[in-house]
Amino acid sequence: MSAILTPVGLLLIMLAGYLFKRFGLFGQKDYRVLQTAEFNIVLPGAIVYSFATNPHDVSLLWVSLFAFLFAALPVVFIFLATRKRNVTDRAFLMLNGAGFNLGCFSFPVVQSFWGAGAVVPAAMFDIGNCIMVAAGTNVLTQQLLHIRPGKTLAEQHAGAAPTLPYTKKPKDKDAKRLARRALLGTIAKSFFGSVPFDTYLVMIVVTLANVPIPDWIASICQPLSGANALVSMLMVGMLMDLPQSKHDVKEVLSVIAWRVPFSVAFALVSWFLLPFSASVRAVMVICSLAPIAIFSTLFTDKVLGNAKLAGFSLAITAMIALVMMAVAHALMGV
């Protein structure tokens, strides 16, 4: 029963955040306070606590590789399949159609299914996933759609074209070198400017070097780990709003139409094809069925100024994920 009650509790926290905002206990922009705390303090603390309290097998980095592919492939497929749609719709689908909500949603679920040890393969899955959701998906979306970082699409006067106008590369060698340097700087800033991504990098180095994390660090991070699910789900509820138009409804349905087939396909690949033990494959199945990543709401806000629709999409996909996870758990029998 706890396996079902844990994700249901997360959905109820999300609902509480929405209702508190709806009745004026939270302001319309208050979610940004929790957003800052979640991405810069709480989630990094939860990552460190996971590595500090659970032994991480280096061989499970292969799980990270498959997770990276699972998070990256949908972005490319969506880009290729939506060439006739406008850049705003394409950006929304690319940012929300890929990646997995693991630290805030799947970690509590796999722990309730199989105990604390199941968090280890889930965390290794999240390493590969985090490369995309913490920065990669946003960078890929910006590059493929020619979106300039720092301004929303509305501020860049996005129209009905499938991409923003392409800026031709300069012909002068010095100008080309400066342009490449600027591009690499933008990409590096997107990746290394993400505190969770940086935390994972440090934890990978620590794992590869076989350096034990002191108990006092785990003790400091334990409250942050415990607060992770509450802060993240409350934040999503605070930024969530119901769709305001038929177009918004269509966008949410499009996200679901992309995510569900990919999630099921990745879950089947994980269970039937990957060369891991049944316990590891079972965790990968649950991770593959996870809802939209918290980062998607952040990047949707920066690119589209429409985090509320992303928050609603996250809530809907979380409900769908809950059902799929329960069915998968029953079918696997692990």
C-alpha atoms as a PDB file:
ATOM      1  CA  MET A   1       0.000   0.000   0.000  1.00  0.00           C
ATOM      2  CA  SER A   2       2.846   2.419   0.787  1.00  0.00           C
ATOM      3  CA  ALA A   3       4.074   1.985  -2.784  1.00  0.00           C
ATOM      4  CA  ILE A   4       0.891   3.717  -3.950  1.00  0.00           C
ATOM      5  CA  LEU A   5       0.498   6.150  -1.069  1.00  0.00           C
ATOM      6  CA  THR A   6       3.960   7.709  -1.510  1.00  0.00           C
ATOM      7  CA  PRO A   7       3.388   9.117  -5.038  1.00  0.00           C
ATOM      8  CA  VAL A   8      -0.217   9.962  -4.115  1.00  0.00           C
ATOM      9  CA  GLY A   9       1.184  12.043  -1.257  1.00  0.00           C
ATOM     10  CA  LEU A  10       3.402  13.893  -3.729  1.00  0.00           C
ATOM     11  CA  LEU A  11       0.377  14.707  -5.875  1.00  0.00           C
ATOM     12  CA  LEU A  12      -1.502  15.975  -2.809  1.00  0.00           C
ATOM     13  CA  ILE A  13       1.418  18.302  -1.955  1.00  0.00           C
ATOM     14  CA  MET A  14       1.265  19.596  -5.526  1.00  0.00           C
ATOM     15  CA  LEU A  15      -2.487  20.158  -5.159  1.00  0.00           C
ATOM     16  CA  ALA A  16      -1.928  22.004  -1.870  1.00  0.00           C
ATOM     17  CA  GLY A  17       0.516  24.391  -3.549  1.00  0.00           C
ATOM     18  CA  TYR A  18      -2.013  25.115  -6.288  1.00  0.00           C
ATOM     19  CA  LEU A  19      -4.882  25.677  -3.834  1.00  0.00           C
ATOM     20  CA  PHE A  20      -2.794  27.908  -1.558  1.00  0.00           C
ATOM     21  CA  LYS A  21      -1.994  30.102  -4.548  1.00  0.00           C
ATOM     22  CA  ARG A  22      -5.574  29.998  -5.820  1.00  0.00           C
ATOM     23  CA  PHE A  23      -6.908  31.273  -2.469  1.00  0.00           C
ATOM     24  CA  GLY A  24      -4.256  33.964  -2.074  1.00  0.00           C
ATOM     25  CA  LEU A  25      -2.025  32.357   0.566  1.00  0.00           C
ATOM     26  CA  PHE A  26       0.794  32.379  -2.014  1.00  0.00           C
ATOM     27  CA  GLY A  27       1.409  35.095  -4.591  1.00  0.00           C
ATOM     28  CA  GLN A  28       1.576  34.447  -8.328  1.00  0.00           C
ATOM     29  CA  LYS A  29       5.385  34.753  -8.406  1.00  0.00           C
ATOM     30  CA  ASP A  30       6.186  33.186  -5.024  1.00  0.00           C
ATOM     31  CA  TYR A  31       7.076  29.890  -6.706  1.00  0.00           C
ATOM     32  CA  ARG A  32      10.354  31.494  -7.806  1.00  0.00           C
ATOM     33  CA  VAL A  33      11.536  31.580  -4.184  1.00  0.00           C
ATOM     34  CA  LEU A  34      11.110  27.817  -3.903  1.00  0.00           C
ATOM     35  CA  GLN A  35      12.540  27.426  -7.413  1.00  0.00           C
ATOM     36  CA  THR A  36      15.758  29.121  -6.312  1.00  0.00           C
ATOM     37  CA  ALA A  37      15.949  27.047  -3.124  1.00  0.00           C
ATOM     38  CA  GLU A  38      15.193  23.767  -4.919  1.00  0.00           C
ATOM     39  CA  PHE A  39      17.790  24.051  -7.675  1.00  0.00           C
ATOM     40  CA  ASN A  40      20.570  25.670  -5.658  1.00  0.00           C
ATOM     41  CA  ILE A  41      20.250  24.126  -2.188  1.00  0.00           C
ATOM     42  CA  VAL A  42      17.713  21.344  -1.724  1.00  0.00           C
ATOM     43  CA  LEU A  43      18.269  19.133  -4.792  1.00  0.00           C
ATOM     44  CA  PRO A  44      22.094  19.339  -4.613  1.00  0.00           C
ATOM     45  CA  GLY A  45      21.859  18.368  -0.940  1.00  0.00           C
ATOM     46  CA  ALA A  46      19.654  15.395  -1.802  1.00  0.00           C
ATOM     47  CA  ILE A  47      22.180  14.250  -4.433  1.00  0.00           C
ATOM     48  CA  VAL A  48      25.092  14.435  -1.983  1.00  0.00           C
ATOM     49  CA  TYR A  49      23.088  12.583   0.693  1.00  0.00           C
ATOM     50  CA  SER A  50      22.251   9.787  -1.761  1.00  0.00           C
ATOM     51  CA  PHE A  51      25.920   9.263  -2.621  1.00  0.00           C
ATOM     52  CA  ALA A  52      27.024   9.624   1.005  1.00  0.00           C
ATOM     53  CA  THR A  53      24.635   7.019   2.394  1.00  0.00           C
ATOM     54  CA  ASN A  54      24.502   4.437  -0.422  1.00  0.00           C
ATOM     55  CA  PRO A  55      27.483   2.647  -2.015  1.00  0.00           C
ATOM     56  CA  HIS A  56      27.570   3.451  -5.743  1.00  0.00           C
ATOM     57  CA  ASP A  57      28.977   0.732  -7.997  1.00  0.00           C
ATOM     58  CA  VAL A  58      31.118   2.280 -10.732  1.00  0.00           C
ATOM     59  CA  SER A  59      29.898  -0.367 -13.192  1.00  0.00           C
ATOM     60  CA  LEU A  60      26.435   1.170 -12.918  1.00  0.00           C
ATOM     61  CA  LEU A  61      27.709   4.155 -14.892  1.00  0.00           C
ATOM     62  CA  TRP A  62      26.481   2.110 -17.880  1.00  0.00           C
ATOM     63  CA  VAL A  63      22.999   2.826 -16.499  1.00  0.00           C
ATOM     64  CA  SER A  64      23.896   6.524 -16.733  1.00  0.00           C
ATOM     65  CA  LEU A  65      24.776   6.118 -20.414  1.00  0.00           C
ATOM     66  CA  PHE A  66      21.440   4.511 -21.262  1.00  0.00           C
ATOM     67  CA  ALA A  67      19.620   7.167 -19.224  1.00  0.00           C
ATOM     68  CA  PHE A  68      21.383   9.881 -21.205  1.00  0.00           C
ATOM     69  CA  LEU A  69      20.191   8.294 -24.461  1.00  0.00           C
ATOM     70  CA  PHE A  70      16.644   7.942 -23.121  1.00  0.00           C
ATOM     71  CA  ALA A  71      16.605  11.644 -22.223  1.00  0.00           C
ATOM     72  CA  ALA A  72      18.261  12.870 -25.442  1.00  0.00           C
ATOM     73  CA  LEU A  73      16.534  10.881 -28.201  1.00  0.00           C
ATOM     74  CA  PRO A  74      13.020  12.348 -27.762  1.00  0.00           C
ATOM     75  CA  VAL A  75      14.343  15.911 -28.194  1.00  0.00           C
ATOM     76  CA  VAL A  76      15.803  15.020 -31.600  1.00  0.00           C
ATOM     77  CA  PHE A  77      12.716  13.068 -32.688  1.00  0.00           C
ATOM     78  CA  ILE A  78      10.382  15.902 -31.683  1.00  0.00           C
ATOM     79  CA  PHE A  79      12.532  18.426 -33.553  1.00  0.00           C
ATOM     80  CA  LEU A  80      12.435  16.330 -36.742  1.00  0.00           C
ATOM     81  CA  ALA A  81       8.724  15.501 -36.502  1.00  0.00           C
ATOM     82  CA  THR A  82       7.474  19.063 -35.838  1.00  0.00           C
ATOM     83  CA  ARG A  83       9.167  20.886 -38.715  1.00  0.00           C
ATOM     84  CA  LYS A  84       5.848  22.360 -39.885  1.00  0.00           C
ATOM     85  CA  ARG A  85       4.865  23.830 -36.510  1.00  0.00           C
ATOM     86  CA  ASN A  86       5.811  27.264 -35.206  1.00  0.00           C
ATOM     87  CA  VAL A  87       8.911  27.783 -33.086  1.00  0.00           C
ATOM     88  CA  THR A  88       6.961  28.442 -29.860  1.00  0.00           C
ATOM     89  CA  ASP A  89       5.079  25.146 -30.042  1.00  0.00           C
ATOM     90  CA  ARG A  90       8.237  23.281 -30.988  1.00  0.00           C
ATOM     91  CA  ALA A  91      10.184  24.753 -28.076  1.00  0.00           C
ATOM     92  CA  PHE A  92       7.436  23.809 -25.611  1.00  0.00           C
ATOM     93  CA  LEU A  93       7.326  20.223 -26.875  1.00  0.00           C
ATOM     94  CA  MET A  94      11.102  19.811 -26.947  1.00  0.00           C
ATOM     95  CA  LEU A  95      11.527  21.181 -23.421  1.00  0.00           C
ATOM     96  CA  ASN A  96       8.677  19.156 -21.915  1.00  0.00           C
ATOM     97  CA  GLY A  97       8.561  16.034 -24.063  1.00  0.00           C
ATOM     98  CA  ALA A  98      11.853  14.573 -22.823  1.00  0.00           C
ATOM     99  CA  GLY A  99      13.664  13.950 -19.549  1.00  0.00           C
ATOM    100  CA  PHE A 100      12.552  12.414 -16.277  1.00  0.00           C
ATOM    101  CA  ASN A 101      11.566  13.639 -12.821  1.00  0.00           C
ATOM    102  CA  LEU A 102      13.695  11.325 -10.704  1.00  0.00           C
ATOM    103  CA  GLY A 103      14.963  13.010  -7.548  1.00  0.00           C
ATOM    104  CA  CYS A 104      11.559  14.426  -6.648  1.00  0.00           C
ATOM    105  CA  PHE A 105       9.267  11.653  -7.899  1.00  0.00           C
ATOM    106  CA  SER A 106      10.958   8.360  -8.829  1.00  0.00           C
ATOM    107  CA  PHE A 107      13.330   8.194  -5.847  1.00  0.00           C
ATOM    108  CA  PRO A 108      10.501   8.028  -3.275  1.00  0.00           C
ATOM    109  CA  VAL A 109       8.606   5.531  -5.460  1.00  0.00           C
ATOM    110  CA  VAL A 110      11.477   3.058  -5.972  1.00  0.00           C
ATOM    111  CA  GLN A 111      12.371   3.346  -2.288  1.00  0.00           C
ATOM    112  CA  SER A 112       8.805   2.476  -1.306  1.00  0.00           C
ATOM    113  CA  PHE A 113       8.812  -0.448  -3.765  1.00  0.00           C
ATOM    114  CA  TRP A 114      12.220  -2.012  -2.961  1.00  0.00           C
ATOM    115  CA  GLY A 115      13.817  -0.173  -0.059  1.00  0.00           C
ATOM    116  CA  ALA A 116      16.702   2.316   0.284  1.00  0.00           C
ATOM    117  CA  GLY A 117      19.094   0.244  -1.834  1.00  0.00           C
ATOM    118  CA  ALA A 118      16.974   0.862  -4.932  1.00  0.00           C
ATOM    119  CA  VAL A 119      17.936   4.540  -4.797  1.00  0.00           C
ATOM    120  CA  VAL A 120      21.470   3.611  -5.958  1.00  0.00           C
ATOM    121  CA  PRO A 121      20.609   2.529  -9.549  1.00  0.00           C
ATOM    122  CA  ALA A 122      18.010   5.314  -9.639  1.00  0.00           C
ATOM    123  CA  ALA A 123      20.718   7.853  -8.783  1.00  0.00           C
ATOM    124  CA  MET A 124      23.003   6.409 -11.468  1.00  0.00           C
ATOM    125  CA  PHE A 125      20.119   6.709 -13.929  1.00  0.00           C
ATOM    126  CA  ASP A 126      19.703  10.312 -12.845  1.00  0.00           C
ATOM    127  CA  ILE A 127      23.349  11.099 -13.642  1.00  0.00           C
ATOM    128  CA  GLY A 128      22.742  10.502 -17.358  1.00  0.00           C
ATOM    129  CA  ASN A 129      19.310  12.069 -17.187  1.00  0.00           C
ATOM    130  CA  CYS A 130      20.676  15.164 -15.438  1.00  0.00           C
ATOM    131  CA  ILE A 131      23.101  15.887 -18.287  1.00  0.00           C
ATOM    132  CA  MET A 132      20.059  16.552 -20.450  1.00  0.00           C
ATOM    133  CA  VAL A 133      17.421  17.929 -18.082  1.00  0.00           C
ATOM    134  CA  ALA A 134      19.794  20.231 -16.155  1.00  0.00           C
ATOM    135  CA  ALA A 135      21.193  21.840 -19.298  1.00  0.00           C
ATOM    136  CA  GLY A 136      21.410  19.627 -22.397  1.00  0.00           C
ATOM    137  CA  THR A 137      17.757  19.784 -23.445  1.00  0.00           C
ATOM    138  CA  ASN A 138      17.708  23.556 -23.100  1.00  0.00           C
ATOM    139  CA  VAL A 139      20.983  23.979 -25.028  1.00  0.00           C
ATOM    140  CA  LEU A 140      19.850  21.600 -27.786  1.00  0.00           C
ATOM    141  CA  THR A 141      16.493  23.353 -28.098  1.00  0.00           C
ATOM    142  CA  GLN A 142      18.127  26.771 -28.323  1.00  0.00           C
ATOM    143  CA  GLN A 143      20.679  25.646 -30.903  1.00  0.00           C
ATOM    144  CA  LEU A 144      18.286  23.717 -33.142  1.00  0.00           C
ATOM    145  CA  LEU A 145      15.635  26.458 -33.091  1.00  0.00           C
ATOM    146  CA  HIS A 146      18.161  29.351 -33.204  1.00  0.00           C
ATOM    147  CA  ILE A 147      16.877  30.794 -29.922  1.00  0.00           C
ATOM    148  CA  ARG A 148      19.104  33.395 -28.281  1.00  0.00           C
ATOM    149  CA  PRO A 149      19.505  32.776 -24.535  1.00  0.00           C
ATOM    150  CA  GLY A 150      18.498  35.461 -22.061  1.00  0.00           C
ATOM    151  CA  LYS A 151      15.228  36.527 -23.693  1.00  0.00           C
ATOM    152  CA  THR A 152      11.855  34.844 -24.117  1.00  0.00           C
ATOM    153  CA  LEU A 153      10.581  33.978 -27.588  1.00  0.00           C
ATOM    154  CA  ALA A 154       8.054  36.806 -27.330  1.00  0.00           C
ATOM    155  CA  GLU A 155      10.908  39.259 -26.739  1.00  0.00           C
ATOM    156  CA  GLN A 156      12.656  37.797 -29.791  1.00  0.00           C
ATOM    157  CA  HIS A 157       9.492  38.359 -31.866  1.00  0.00           C
ATOM    158  CA  ALA A 158       8.892  34.702 -32.659  1.00  0.00           C
ATOM    159  CA  GLY A 159       6.337  34.286 -35.419  1.00  0.00           C
ATOM    160  CA  ALA A 160       4.809  31.373 -37.287  1.00  0.00           C
ATOM    161  CA  ALA A 161       8.118  30.135 -38.721  1.00  0.00           C
ATOM    162  CA  PRO A 162       9.455  26.772 -37.451  1.00  0.00           C
ATOM    163  CA  THR A 163      12.675  28.417 -36.204  1.00  0.00           C
ATOM    164  CA  LEU A 164      13.930  31.889 -35.475  1.00  0.00           C
ATOM    165  CA  PRO A 165      16.008  33.499 -38.253  1.00  0.00           C
ATOM    166  CA  TYR A 166      19.405  31.898 -38.658  1.00  0.00           C
ATOM    167  CA  THR A 167      22.364  34.216 -38.161  1.00  0.00           C
ATOM    168  CA  LYS A 168      24.971  33.516 -40.815  1.00  0.00           C
ATOM    169  CA  LYS A 169      28.451  32.706 -39.606  1.00  0.00           C
ATOM    170  CA  PRO A 170      31.033  35.428 -40.258  1.00  0.00           C
ATOM    171  CA  LYS A 171      33.547  34.792 -43.039  1.00  0.00           C
ATOM    172  CA  ASP A 172      36.486  36.483 -41.326  1.00  0.00           C
ATOM    173  CA  LYS A 173      38.706  33.966 -39.481  1.00  0.00           C
ATOM    174  CA  ASP A 174      39.024  36.070 -36.337  1.00  0.00           C
ATOM    175  CA  ALA A 175      35.290  36.680 -36.272  1.00  0.00           C
ATOM    176  CA  LYS A 176      34.654  32.944 -36.717  1.00  0.00           C
ATOM    177  CA  ARG A 177      36.966  32.156 -33.820  1.00  0.00           C
ATOM    178  CA  LEU A 178      35.230  34.683 -31.580  1.00  0.00           C
ATOM    179  CA  ALA A 179      31.817  33.333 -32.601  1.00  0.00           C
ATOM    180  CA  ARG A 180      32.884  29.743 -31.778  1.00  0.00           C
ATOM    181  CA  ARG A 181      34.315  30.898 -28.469  1.00  0.00           C
ATOM    182  CA  ALA A 182      31.079  32.710 -27.623  1.00  0.00           C
ATOM    183  CA  LEU A 183      29.022  29.617 -28.526  1.00  0.00           C
ATOM    184  CA  LEU A 184      31.192  27.316 -26.422  1.00  0.00           C
ATOM    185  CA  GLY A 185      31.019  29.825 -23.574  1.00  0.00           C
ATOM    186  CA  THR A 186      27.222  29.871 -23.736  1.00  0.00           C
ATOM    187  CA  ILE A 187      27.051  26.070 -23.737  1.00  0.00           C
ATOM    188  CA  ALA A 188      29.554  25.768 -20.884  1.00  0.00           C
ATOM    189  CA  LYS A 189      27.650  28.356 -18.850  1.00  0.00           C
ATOM    190  CA  SER A 190      24.399  26.462 -19.392  1.00  0.00           C
ATOM    191  CA  PHE A 191      25.944  23.226 -18.108  1.00  0.00           C
ATOM    192  CA  PHE A 192      28.283  24.402 -15.374  1.00  0.00           C
ATOM    193  CA  GLY A 193      25.883  27.115 -14.246  1.00  0.00           C
ATOM    194  CA  SER A 194      23.556  24.339 -13.046  1.00  0.00           C
ATOM    195  CA  VAL A 195      24.308  23.525  -9.401  1.00  0.00           C
ATOM    196  CA  PRO A 196      22.724  20.022  -9.540  1.00  0.00           C
ATOM    197  CA  PHE A 197      24.769  19.188 -12.644  1.00  0.00           C
ATOM    198  CA  ASP A 198      27.953  20.404 -10.963  1.00  0.00           C
ATOM    199  CA  THR A 199      27.075  18.363  -7.867  1.00  0.00           C
ATOM    200  CA  TYR A 200      26.674  15.207  -9.936  1.00  0.00           C
ATOM    201  CA  LEU A 201      30.040  15.833 -11.614  1.00  0.00           C
ATOM    202  CA  VAL A 202      31.746  16.134  -8.226  1.00  0.00           C
ATOM    203  CA  MET A 203      30.002  12.975  -6.974  1.00  0.00           C
ATOM    204  CA  ILE A 204      31.088  11.031 -10.075  1.00  0.00           C
ATOM    205  CA  VAL A 205      34.710  12.072  -9.524  1.00  0.00           C
ATOM    206  CA  VAL A 206      34.456  11.103  -5.856  1.00  0.00           C
ATOM    207  CA  THR A 207      32.970   7.712  -6.816  1.00  0.00           C
ATOM    208  CA  LEU A 208      35.616   7.002  -9.464  1.00  0.00           C
ATOM    209  CA  ALA A 209      38.376   7.996  -7.026  1.00  0.00           C
ATOM    210  CA  ASN A 210      36.822   5.747  -4.367  1.00  0.00           C
ATOM    211  CA  VAL A 211      36.887   8.596  -1.851  1.00  0.00           C
ATOM    212  CA  PRO A 212      34.447   8.108   1.056  1.00  0.00           C
ATOM    213  CA  ILE A 213      32.146  11.007   1.878  1.00  0.00           C
ATOM    214  CA  PRO A 214      32.439  11.955   5.588  1.00  0.00           C
ATOM    215  CA  ASP A 215      29.485  11.174   7.843  1.00  0.00           C
ATOM    216  CA  TRP A 216      29.216  14.807   8.909  1.00  0.00           C
ATOM    217  CA  ILE A 217      28.486  15.842   5.310  1.00  0.00           C
ATOM    218  CA  ALA A 218      25.693  13.267   5.145  1.00  0.00           C
ATOM    219  CA  SER A 219      24.283  14.611   8.423  1.00  0.00           C
ATOM    220  CA  ILE A 220      24.251  18.166   7.072  1.00  0.00           C
ATOM    221  CA  CYS A 221      22.566  17.092   3.829  1.00  0.00           C
ATOM    222  CA  GLN A 222      19.984  14.793   5.429  1.00  0.00           C
ATOM    223  CA  PRO A 223      17.413  17.564   6.102  1.00  0.00           C
ATOM    224  CA  LEU A 224      17.786  18.769   2.516  1.00  0.00           C
ATOM    225  CA  SER A 225      17.184  15.261   1.193  1.00  0.00           C
ATOM    226  CA  GLY A 226      14.073  14.955   3.344  1.00  0.00           C
ATOM    227  CA  ALA A 227      12.784  18.315   2.111  1.00  0.00           C
ATOM    228  CA  ASN A 228      13.370  17.616  -1.585  1.00  0.00           C
ATOM    229  CA  ALA A 229      10.004  16.064  -2.436  1.00  0.00           C
ATOM    230  CA  LEU A 230       8.055  18.649  -0.398  1.00  0.00           C
ATOM    231  CA  VAL A 231       9.806  21.717  -1.840  1.00  0.00           C
ATOM    232  CA  SER A 232       9.732  20.529  -5.456  1.00  0.00           C
ATOM    233  CA  MET A 233       6.096  19.376  -5.511  1.00  0.00           C
ATOM    234  CA  LEU A 234       4.921  22.459  -3.624  1.00  0.00           C
ATOM    235  CA  MET A 235       6.772  24.632  -6.135  1.00  0.00           C
ATOM    236  CA  VAL A 236       5.105  22.865  -9.058  1.00  0.00           C
ATOM    237  CA  GLY A 237       1.678  23.329  -7.489  1.00  0.00           C
ATOM    238  CA  MET A 238       2.374  27.035  -6.941  1.00  0.00           C
ATOM    239  CA  LEU A 239       3.348  27.675 -10.560  1.00  0.00           C
ATOM    240  CA  MET A 240       0.609  25.486 -12.024  1.00  0.00           C
ATOM    241  CA  ASP A 241      -2.499  26.903 -13.667  1.00  0.00           C
ATOM    242  CA  LEU A 242      -5.252  25.280 -15.689  1.00  0.00           C
ATOM    243  CA  PRO A 243      -4.976  25.661 -19.493  1.00  0.00           C
ATOM    244  CA  GLN A 244      -6.396  29.007 -20.602  1.00  0.00           C
ATOM    245  CA  SER A 245      -7.315  28.130 -24.189  1.00  0.00           C
ATOM    246  CA  LYS A 246      -7.911  25.273 -26.611  1.00  0.00           C
ATOM    247  CA  HIS A 247      -4.370  25.792 -27.864  1.00  0.00           C
ATOM    248  CA  ASP A 248      -3.004  25.225 -24.343  1.00  0.00           C
ATOM    249  CA  VAL A 249      -5.048  22.022 -24.038  1.00  0.00           C
ATOM    250  CA  LYS A 250      -3.683  20.889 -27.393  1.00  0.00           C
ATOM    251  CA  GLU A 251      -0.121  21.569 -26.247  1.00  0.00           C
ATOM    252  CA  VAL A 252      -0.568  19.515 -23.074  1.00  0.00           C
ATOM    253  CA  LEU A 253      -2.099  16.640 -25.047  1.00  0.00           C
ATOM    254  CA  SER A 254       0.802  16.821 -27.506  1.00  0.00           C
ATOM    255  CA  VAL A 255       3.298  16.508 -24.654  1.00  0.00           C
ATOM    256  CA  ILE A 256       1.437  13.459 -23.337  1.00  0.00           C
ATOM    257  CA  ALA A 257       1.252  11.967 -26.828  1.00  0.00           C
ATOM    258  CA  TRP A 258       5.027  12.197 -27.112  1.00  0.00           C
ATOM    259  CA  ARG A 259       5.999  11.204 -23.589  1.00  0.00           C
ATOM    260  CA  VAL A 260       3.849   8.119 -23.016  1.00  0.00           C
ATOM    261  CA  PRO A 261       4.990   6.090 -26.084  1.00  0.00           C
ATOM    262  CA  PHE A 262       8.631   6.976 -25.459  1.00  0.00           C
ATOM    263  CA  SER A 263       8.322   6.109 -21.752  1.00  0.00           C
ATOM    264  CA  VAL A 264       6.737   2.740 -22.496  1.00  0.00           C
ATOM    265  CA  ALA A 265       9.329   1.994 -25.200  1.00  0.00           C
ATOM    266  CA  PHE A 266      12.238   2.866 -22.881  1.00  0.00           C
ATOM    267  CA  ALA A 267      10.683   0.788 -20.076  1.00  0.00           C
ATOM    268  CA  LEU A 268      10.401  -2.229 -22.398  1.00  0.00           C
ATOM    269  CA  VAL A 269      14.001  -1.784 -23.587  1.00  0.00           C
ATOM    270  CA  SER A 270      15.152  -1.542 -19.960  1.00  0.00           C
ATOM    271  CA  TRP A 271      13.357  -4.701 -18.876  1.00  0.00           C
ATOM    272  CA  PHE A 272      13.875  -6.983 -21.872  1.00  0.00           C
ATOM    273  CA  LEU A 273      17.106  -5.870 -23.562  1.00  0.00           C
ATOM    274  CA  LEU A 274      19.581  -4.278 -21.154  1.00  0.00           C
ATOM    275  CA  PRO A 275      22.335  -6.431 -19.581  1.00  0.00           C
ATOM    276  CA  PHE A 276      21.681  -5.731 -15.905  1.00  0.00           C
ATOM    277  CA  SER A 277      20.267  -7.704 -12.992  1.00  0.00           C
ATOM    278  CA  ALA A 278      16.493  -7.886 -12.606  1.00  0.00           C
ATOM    279  CA  SER A 279      16.570  -5.513  -9.630  1.00  0.00           C
ATOM    280  CA  VAL A 280      18.485  -2.841 -11.580  1.00  0.00           C
ATOM    281  CA  ARG A 281      16.287  -3.277 -14.665  1.00  0.00           C
ATOM    282  CA  ALA A 282      13.173  -2.932 -12.517  1.00  0.00           C
ATOM    283  CA  VAL A 283      14.401   0.414 -11.153  1.00  0.00           C
ATOM    284  CA  MET A 284      15.210   1.565 -14.706  1.00  0.00           C
ATOM    285  CA  VAL A 285      11.663   0.704 -15.769  1.00  0.00           C
ATOM    286  CA  ILE A 286      10.203   2.916 -13.034  1.00  0.00           C
ATOM    287  CA  CYS A 287      12.629   5.731 -13.888  1.00  0.00           C
ATOM    288  CA  SER A 288      11.659   5.484 -17.580  1.00  0.00           C
ATOM    289  CA  LEU A 289       8.008   6.045 -16.657  1.00  0.00           C
ATOM    290  CA  ALA A 290       8.701   9.204 -14.619  1.00  0.00           C
ATOM    291  CA  PRO A 291       6.840  12.478 -15.330  1.00  0.00           C
ATOM    292  CA  ILE A 292       8.238  15.737 -16.683  1.00  0.00           C
ATOM    293  CA  ALA A 293      11.430  16.964 -15.008  1.00  0.00           C
ATOM    294  CA  ILE A 294      11.299  19.914 -12.626  1.00  0.00           C
ATOM    295  CA  PHE A 295      13.930  21.599 -14.819  1.00  0.00           C
ATOM    296  CA  SER A 296      11.427  21.682 -17.699  1.00  0.00           C
ATOM    297  CA  THR A 297       9.320  24.214 -15.811  1.00  0.00           C
ATOM    298  CA  LEU A 298      12.409  26.371 -15.211  1.00  0.00           C
ATOM    299  CA  PHE A 299      13.546  26.391 -18.857  1.00  0.00           C
ATOM    300  CA  THR A 300       9.996  26.791 -20.183  1.00  0.00           C
ATOM    301  CA  ASP A 301       9.720  29.865 -17.997  1.00  0.00           C
ATOM    302  CA  LYS A 302      12.988  31.287 -19.371  1.00  0.00           C
ATOM    303  CA  VAL A 303      12.306  30.489 -23.039  1.00  0.00           C
ATOM    304  CA  LEU A 304       8.536  30.907 -23.245  1.00  0.00           C
ATOM    305  CA  GLY A 305       7.550  32.742 -20.079  1.00  0.00           C
ATOM    306  CA  ASN A 306       4.934  30.001 -19.633  1.00  0.00           C
ATOM    307  CA  ALA A 307       5.997  27.931 -16.643  1.00  0.00           C
ATOM    308  CA  LYS A 308       2.365  27.586 -15.573  1.00  0.00           C
ATOM    309  CA  LEU A 309       1.447  25.432 -18.553  1.00  0.00           C
ATOM    310  CA  ALA A 310       4.603  23.364 -17.998  1.00  0.00           C
ATOM    311  CA  GLY A 311       3.579  22.945 -14.356  1.00  0.00           C
ATOM    312  CA  PHE A 312       0.140  21.701 -15.384  1.00  0.00           C
ATOM    313  CA  SER A 313       1.769  19.317 -17.872  1.00  0.00           C
ATOM    314  CA  LEU A 314       3.996  18.018 -15.074  1.00  0.00           C
ATOM    315  CA  ALA A 315       0.976  17.418 -12.840  1.00  0.00           C
ATOM    316  CA  ILE A 316      -0.904  15.517 -15.556  1.00  0.00           C
ATOM    317  CA  THR A 317       2.095  13.393 -16.510  1.00  0.00           C
ATOM    318  CA  ALA A 318       2.703  12.685 -12.803  1.00  0.00           C
ATOM    319  CA  MET A 319      -0.804  11.232 -12.516  1.00  0.00           C
ATOM    320  CA  ILE A 320      -0.251   9.122 -15.632  1.00  0.00           C
ATOM    321  CA  ALA A 321       3.168   8.048 -14.345  1.00  0.00           C
ATOM    322  CA  LEU A 322       1.649   6.944 -11.043  1.00  0.00           C
ATOM    323  CA  VAL A 323      -0.726   4.560 -12.847  1.00  0.00           C
ATOM    324  CA  MET A 324       1.978   3.232 -15.189  1.00  0.00           C
ATOM    325  CA  MET A 325       4.428   2.677 -12.317  1.00  0.00           C
ATOM    326  CA  ALA A 326       1.874   0.722 -10.304  1.00  0.00           C
ATOM    327  CA  VAL A 327       1.035  -1.472 -13.341  1.00  0.00           C
ATOM    328  CA  ALA A 328       4.725  -2.011 -14.160  1.00  0.00           C
ATOM    329  CA  HIS A 329       5.518  -2.961 -10.566  1.00  0.00           C
ATOM    330  CA  ALA A 330       2.733  -5.541 -10.578  1.00  0.00           C
ATOM    331  CA  LEU A 331       3.781  -6.999 -13.948  1.00  0.00           C
ATOM    332  CA  MET A 332       7.494  -7.257 -13.139  1.00  0.00           C
ATOM    333  CA  GLY A 333       6.891  -9.113  -9.891  1.00  0.00           C
ATOM    334  CA  VAL A 334      10.331  -8.190  -8.557  1.00  0.00           C
END
